[in-house]
Amino acid sequence: MNYQYNNNPGRMNKRVTFLNPPGTISNGWPSKDWTKHVTVWAELKTAKGYKLFSSDATQWQGKCVIGIRYRKDIHEKMRVKIANKTYEMDSPPVNDDGNNQWLTIFLKEVM
């Protein structure tokens, strides 16, 4: 998600909400449910065309990739809510090129 590599901040047109896992301290008490952490603008990428057919299509069902501006408070135990669908992170967020400018996050849908 770097402008230098054809990633444009103008494509960040989706609102995504990051959710803290149960047990996170909120207002001095551990929470029992998933609680809202932050809502940010993101670019949503889904597998299309040859990428879908060259990969194992059954593994790509319910998966997507988002790109956001760099934040150090995002971690792999969080969930992401996009348009009334909830996703969990497939792997830790990737800091593109180590420049602290963009994060790429691989998601899979929670069923």
N, C-alpha and C. Protein backbone atom coordinates (compact mmCIF):
# COMPACT_ATOMS: atom_id res chain seq x y z
N MET A 1 0.83 -1.19 0.00
CA MET A 1 0.00 0.00 0.00
C MET A 1 0.87 1.25 0.00
N ASN A 2 1.76 1.32 -0.91
CA ASN A 2 2.66 2.45 -0.99
C ASN A 2 2.45 3.15 -2.33
N TYR A 3 2.33 4.47 -2.33
CA TYR A 3 2.05 5.22 -3.56
C TYR A 3 3.09 4.91 -4.63
N GLN A 4 4.30 4.73 -4.21
CA GLN A 4 5.38 4.42 -5.12
C GLN A 4 5.12 3.11 -5.86
N TYR A 5 4.36 2.21 -5.26
CA TYR A 5 4.05 0.92 -5.86
C TYR A 5 2.59 0.84 -6.26
N ASN A 6 2.07 1.90 -6.87
CA ASN A 6 0.70 1.97 -7.39
C ASN A 6 -0.35 1.86 -6.29
N ASN A 7 -0.07 2.37 -5.12
CA ASN A 7 -1.04 2.43 -4.04
C ASN A 7 -1.33 3.89 -3.74
N ASN A 8 -2.55 4.29 -4.00
CA ASN A 8 -2.94 5.68 -3.94
C ASN A 8 -3.86 5.91 -2.73
N PRO A 9 -3.56 6.88 -1.87
CA PRO A 9 -4.44 7.15 -0.73
C PRO A 9 -5.85 7.55 -1.15
N GLY A 10 -6.02 7.99 -2.39
CA GLY A 10 -7.34 8.34 -2.89
C GLY A 10 -8.26 7.13 -3.03
N ARG A 11 -7.69 5.94 -3.03
CA ARG A 11 -8.48 4.71 -3.13
C ARG A 11 -9.02 4.25 -1.77
N MET A 12 -8.64 4.93 -0.72
CA MET A 12 -9.14 4.58 0.61
C MET A 12 -10.55 5.11 0.76
N ASN A 13 -11.51 4.32 0.31
CA ASN A 13 -12.89 4.79 0.28
C ASN A 13 -13.84 3.94 1.12
N LYS A 14 -13.31 3.07 1.95
CA LYS A 14 -14.14 2.23 2.82
C LYS A 14 -13.82 2.55 4.29
N ARG A 15 -14.87 2.56 5.10
CA ARG A 15 -14.69 2.75 6.53
C ARG A 15 -14.60 1.38 7.18
N VAL A 16 -13.54 1.14 7.93
CA VAL A 16 -13.37 -0.12 8.64
C VAL A 16 -13.19 0.18 10.12
N THR A 17 -13.73 -0.70 10.94
CA THR A 17 -13.64 -0.54 12.38
C THR A 17 -12.85 -1.70 12.96
N PHE A 18 -11.84 -1.38 13.74
CA PHE A 18 -11.05 -2.40 14.43
C PHE A 18 -11.65 -2.63 15.80
N LEU A 19 -11.78 -3.92 16.16
CA LEU A 19 -12.41 -4.30 17.42
C LEU A 19 -11.39 -4.98 18.33
N ASN A 20 -11.37 -4.58 19.61
CA ASN A 20 -10.50 -5.21 20.61
C ASN A 20 -11.13 -6.52 21.07
N PRO A 21 -10.30 -7.52 21.36
CA PRO A 21 -10.84 -8.81 21.81
C PRO A 21 -11.41 -8.74 23.23
N PRO A 22 -12.27 -9.70 23.59
CA PRO A 22 -12.77 -9.75 24.96
C PRO A 22 -11.60 -9.88 25.95
N GLY A 23 -11.75 -9.27 27.10
CA GLY A 23 -10.69 -9.31 28.10
C GLY A 23 -9.81 -8.08 28.07
N THR A 24 -9.97 -7.22 27.06
CA THR A 24 -9.21 -5.98 26.99
C THR A 24 -9.71 -5.03 28.06
N ILE A 25 -8.80 -4.37 28.75
CA ILE A 25 -9.17 -3.44 29.80
C ILE A 25 -9.81 -2.19 29.19
N SER A 26 -11.06 -1.92 29.59
CA SER A 26 -11.79 -0.75 29.12
C SER A 26 -12.48 -0.11 30.31
N ASN A 27 -12.21 1.16 30.53
CA ASN A 27 -12.76 1.89 31.68
C ASN A 27 -12.39 1.21 33.00
N GLY A 28 -11.21 0.61 33.07
CA GLY A 28 -10.74 0.00 34.29
C GLY A 28 -11.19 -1.43 34.51
N TRP A 29 -12.04 -1.96 33.63
CA TRP A 29 -12.56 -3.32 33.78
C TRP A 29 -12.32 -4.10 32.50
N PRO A 30 -12.09 -5.42 32.63
CA PRO A 30 -11.97 -6.22 31.40
C PRO A 30 -13.31 -6.35 30.70
N SER A 31 -13.29 -6.20 29.39
CA SER A 31 -14.55 -6.28 28.62
C SER A 31 -14.94 -7.74 28.40
N LYS A 32 -16.23 -7.98 28.20
CA LYS A 32 -16.73 -9.33 27.95
C LYS A 32 -17.03 -9.55 26.47
N ASP A 33 -17.11 -8.48 25.71
CA ASP A 33 -17.44 -8.56 24.28
C ASP A 33 -16.34 -7.88 23.47
N TRP A 34 -16.47 -8.00 22.14
CA TRP A 34 -15.58 -7.28 21.24
C TRP A 34 -15.94 -5.80 21.32
N THR A 35 -14.97 -4.94 21.63
CA THR A 35 -15.22 -3.52 21.80
C THR A 35 -14.54 -2.73 20.69
N LYS A 36 -15.16 -1.62 20.32
CA LYS A 36 -14.62 -0.76 19.25
C LYS A 36 -13.30 -0.14 19.70
N HIS A 37 -12.30 -0.23 18.83
CA HIS A 37 -11.00 0.38 19.10
C HIS A 37 -10.86 1.69 18.32
N VAL A 38 -10.99 1.60 16.99
CA VAL A 38 -10.85 2.78 16.15
C VAL A 38 -11.49 2.51 14.79
N THR A 39 -12.00 3.56 14.15
CA THR A 39 -12.53 3.47 12.79
C THR A 39 -11.65 4.32 11.88
N VAL A 40 -11.20 3.72 10.77
CA VAL A 40 -10.29 4.41 9.85
C VAL A 40 -10.76 4.20 8.41
N TRP A 41 -10.16 4.97 7.50
CA TRP A 41 -10.38 4.79 6.07
C TRP A 41 -9.42 3.72 5.57
N ALA A 42 -9.91 2.88 4.65
CA ALA A 42 -9.08 1.80 4.13
C ALA A 42 -9.36 1.55 2.66
N GLU A 43 -8.38 0.93 2.01
CA GLU A 43 -8.56 0.45 0.64
C GLU A 43 -8.83 -1.04 0.73
N LEU A 44 -9.90 -1.49 0.09
CA LEU A 44 -10.30 -2.89 0.12
C LEU A 44 -9.90 -3.54 -1.19
N LYS A 45 -9.18 -4.65 -1.10
CA LYS A 45 -8.79 -5.40 -2.29
C LYS A 45 -9.32 -6.82 -2.15
N THR A 46 -9.95 -7.31 -3.19
CA THR A 46 -10.41 -8.70 -3.21
C THR A 46 -9.73 -9.42 -4.36
N ALA A 47 -9.70 -10.75 -4.28
CA ALA A 47 -9.07 -11.54 -5.35
C ALA A 47 -9.99 -11.54 -6.56
N LYS A 48 -9.43 -11.21 -7.72
CA LYS A 48 -10.21 -11.16 -8.95
C LYS A 48 -9.46 -11.88 -10.05
N GLY A 49 -10.23 -12.32 -11.04
CA GLY A 49 -9.66 -12.83 -12.29
C GLY A 49 -8.60 -13.90 -12.11
N TYR A 50 -7.46 -13.67 -12.74
CA TYR A 50 -6.41 -14.68 -12.78
C TYR A 50 -5.85 -14.98 -11.40
N LYS A 51 -5.85 -14.00 -10.50
CA LYS A 51 -5.33 -14.26 -9.16
C LYS A 51 -6.19 -15.29 -8.45
N LEU A 52 -7.50 -15.21 -8.65
CA LEU A 52 -8.41 -16.15 -8.01
C LEU A 52 -8.25 -17.54 -8.60
N PHE A 53 -8.12 -17.63 -9.93
CA PHE A 53 -8.03 -18.93 -10.57
C PHE A 53 -6.64 -19.54 -10.43
N SER A 54 -5.61 -18.74 -10.28
CA SER A 54 -4.28 -19.30 -10.11
C SER A 54 -4.05 -19.77 -8.68
N SER A 55 -4.85 -19.26 -7.75
CA SER A 55 -4.75 -19.75 -6.37
C SER A 55 -5.82 -20.82 -6.17
N ASP A 56 -5.83 -21.39 -5.01
CA ASP A 56 -6.88 -22.36 -4.71
C ASP A 56 -8.14 -21.57 -4.36
N ALA A 57 -9.11 -21.58 -5.26
CA ALA A 57 -10.30 -20.73 -5.12
C ALA A 57 -11.09 -21.02 -3.85
N THR A 58 -11.08 -22.27 -3.39
CA THR A 58 -11.83 -22.58 -2.17
C THR A 58 -11.21 -21.93 -0.95
N GLN A 59 -9.91 -21.71 -0.98
CA GLN A 59 -9.25 -21.05 0.15
C GLN A 59 -9.50 -19.55 0.14
N TRP A 60 -9.85 -18.96 -1.00
CA TRP A 60 -10.04 -17.52 -1.08
C TRP A 60 -11.46 -17.10 -0.76
N GLN A 61 -12.36 -18.02 -0.52
CA GLN A 61 -13.72 -17.64 -0.20
C GLN A 61 -13.74 -16.95 1.16
N GLY A 62 -14.38 -15.77 1.19
CA GLY A 62 -14.49 -15.03 2.44
C GLY A 62 -13.22 -14.33 2.87
N LYS A 63 -12.26 -14.15 1.95
CA LYS A 63 -11.01 -13.48 2.30
C LYS A 63 -10.88 -12.18 1.53
N CYS A 64 -10.16 -11.24 2.12
CA CYS A 64 -9.86 -9.98 1.43
C CYS A 64 -8.60 -9.38 2.04
N VAL A 65 -8.13 -8.33 1.41
CA VAL A 65 -6.93 -7.62 1.86
C VAL A 65 -7.30 -6.15 1.98
N ILE A 66 -6.90 -5.52 3.09
CA ILE A 66 -7.12 -4.08 3.23
C ILE A 66 -5.78 -3.39 3.43
N GLY A 67 -5.74 -2.14 3.05
CA GLY A 67 -4.57 -1.31 3.28
C GLY A 67 -5.00 -0.05 4.01
N ILE A 68 -4.26 0.29 5.06
CA ILE A 68 -4.55 1.50 5.84
C ILE A 68 -3.25 2.26 6.06
N ARG A 69 -3.39 3.50 6.48
CA ARG A 69 -2.20 4.26 6.88
C ARG A 69 -1.63 3.61 8.13
N TYR A 70 -0.32 3.73 8.32
CA TYR A 70 0.37 3.06 9.41
C TYR A 70 -0.16 3.50 10.78
N ARG A 71 -0.41 2.53 11.62
CA ARG A 71 -0.78 2.76 13.02
C ARG A 71 -0.05 1.70 13.83
N LYS A 72 0.54 2.09 14.95
CA LYS A 72 1.25 1.10 15.75
C LYS A 72 0.36 0.41 16.77
N ASP A 73 -0.91 0.81 16.88
CA ASP A 73 -1.81 0.21 17.86
C ASP A 73 -2.67 -0.92 17.27
N ILE A 74 -2.38 -1.36 16.06
CA ILE A 74 -3.13 -2.43 15.42
C ILE A 74 -2.33 -3.73 15.58
N HIS A 75 -2.99 -4.80 16.06
CA HIS A 75 -2.30 -6.08 16.24
C HIS A 75 -3.18 -7.23 15.75
N GLU A 76 -2.59 -8.41 15.62
CA GLU A 76 -3.25 -9.54 14.97
C GLU A 76 -4.40 -10.17 15.76
N LYS A 77 -4.56 -9.83 17.03
CA LYS A 77 -5.66 -10.39 17.82
C LYS A 77 -6.97 -9.63 17.60
N MET A 78 -6.91 -8.51 16.92
CA MET A 78 -8.10 -7.70 16.67
C MET A 78 -8.95 -8.30 15.56
N ARG A 79 -10.21 -7.88 15.53
CA ARG A 79 -11.10 -8.19 14.42
C ARG A 79 -11.39 -6.90 13.68
N VAL A 80 -11.85 -7.04 12.44
CA VAL A 80 -12.14 -5.89 11.60
C VAL A 80 -13.57 -6.00 11.10
N LYS A 81 -14.32 -4.91 11.21
CA LYS A 81 -15.70 -4.89 10.74
C LYS A 81 -15.77 -4.01 9.50
N ILE A 82 -16.24 -4.60 8.38
CA ILE A 82 -16.37 -3.88 7.12
C ILE A 82 -17.79 -4.12 6.61
N ALA A 83 -18.58 -3.07 6.52
CA ALA A 83 -19.94 -3.16 5.96
C ALA A 83 -20.75 -4.31 6.55
N ASN A 84 -20.85 -4.34 7.86
CA ASN A 84 -21.64 -5.34 8.59
C ASN A 84 -21.12 -6.77 8.47
N LYS A 85 -19.91 -6.95 7.99
CA LYS A 85 -19.26 -8.26 7.99
C LYS A 85 -18.06 -8.17 8.91
N THR A 86 -17.82 -9.23 9.66
CA THR A 86 -16.70 -9.25 10.60
C THR A 86 -15.63 -10.20 10.09
N TYR A 87 -14.39 -9.74 10.15
CA TYR A 87 -13.24 -10.50 9.69
C TYR A 87 -12.22 -10.61 10.82
N GLU A 88 -11.43 -11.68 10.79
CA GLU A 88 -10.30 -11.78 11.69
C GLU A 88 -9.03 -11.77 10.85
N MET A 89 -7.93 -11.37 11.46
CA MET A 89 -6.68 -11.26 10.71
C MET A 89 -6.09 -12.63 10.48
N ASP A 90 -5.67 -12.86 9.25
CA ASP A 90 -5.05 -14.12 8.84
C ASP A 90 -3.60 -14.20 9.32
N SER A 91 -2.97 -13.03 9.47
CA SER A 91 -1.57 -12.94 9.89
C SER A 91 -1.37 -11.55 10.50
N PRO A 92 -0.23 -11.31 11.14
CA PRO A 92 0.01 -9.97 11.68
C PRO A 92 0.02 -8.92 10.56
N PRO A 93 -0.36 -7.67 10.88
CA PRO A 93 -0.31 -6.60 9.88
C PRO A 93 1.10 -6.43 9.33
N VAL A 94 1.19 -6.18 8.03
CA VAL A 94 2.49 -6.04 7.36
C VAL A 94 2.81 -4.56 7.18
N ASN A 95 3.94 -4.11 7.72
CA ASN A 95 4.41 -2.75 7.55
C ASN A 95 5.16 -2.70 6.21
N ASP A 96 4.51 -2.16 5.17
CA ASP A 96 5.09 -2.16 3.83
C ASP A 96 6.44 -1.46 3.80
N ASP A 97 7.43 -2.19 3.35
CA ASP A 97 8.81 -1.70 3.18
C ASP A 97 9.43 -1.17 4.47
N GLY A 98 8.79 -1.35 5.62
CA GLY A 98 9.34 -0.87 6.88
C GLY A 98 9.40 0.64 6.99
N ASN A 99 8.61 1.35 6.17
CA ASN A 99 8.65 2.82 6.14
C ASN A 99 7.69 3.47 7.12
N ASN A 100 6.90 2.68 7.84
CA ASN A 100 5.88 3.23 8.76
C ASN A 100 4.94 4.19 8.06
N GLN A 101 4.53 3.84 6.82
CA GLN A 101 3.58 4.65 6.08
C GLN A 101 2.27 3.91 5.84
N TRP A 102 2.35 2.60 5.53
CA TRP A 102 1.16 1.82 5.17
C TRP A 102 1.19 0.47 5.86
N LEU A 103 0.01 -0.03 6.19
CA LEU A 103 -0.15 -1.40 6.70
C LEU A 103 -1.00 -2.18 5.72
N THR A 104 -0.58 -3.38 5.40
CA THR A 104 -1.39 -4.30 4.60
C THR A 104 -1.85 -5.40 5.55
N ILE A 105 -3.18 -5.66 5.53
CA ILE A 105 -3.75 -6.61 6.47
C ILE A 105 -4.56 -7.64 5.69
N PHE A 106 -4.23 -8.92 5.90
CA PHE A 106 -4.93 -10.03 5.25
C PHE A 106 -6.02 -10.52 6.20
N LEU A 107 -7.25 -10.61 5.68
CA LEU A 107 -8.41 -10.94 6.51
C LEU A 107 -9.14 -12.17 6.01
N LYS A 108 -9.78 -12.87 6.93
CA LYS A 108 -10.70 -13.94 6.56
C LYS A 108 -11.99 -13.74 7.34
N GLU A 109 -13.09 -14.03 6.70
CA GLU A 109 -14.41 -13.74 7.29
C GLU A 109 -14.70 -14.69 8.44
N VAL A 110 -15.30 -14.13 9.50
CA VAL A 110 -15.73 -14.92 10.64
C VAL A 110 -17.12 -15.44 10.34
N MET A 111 -17.29 -16.74 10.39
CA MET A 111 -18.60 -17.33 10.08
C MET A 111 -19.43 -17.54 11.32
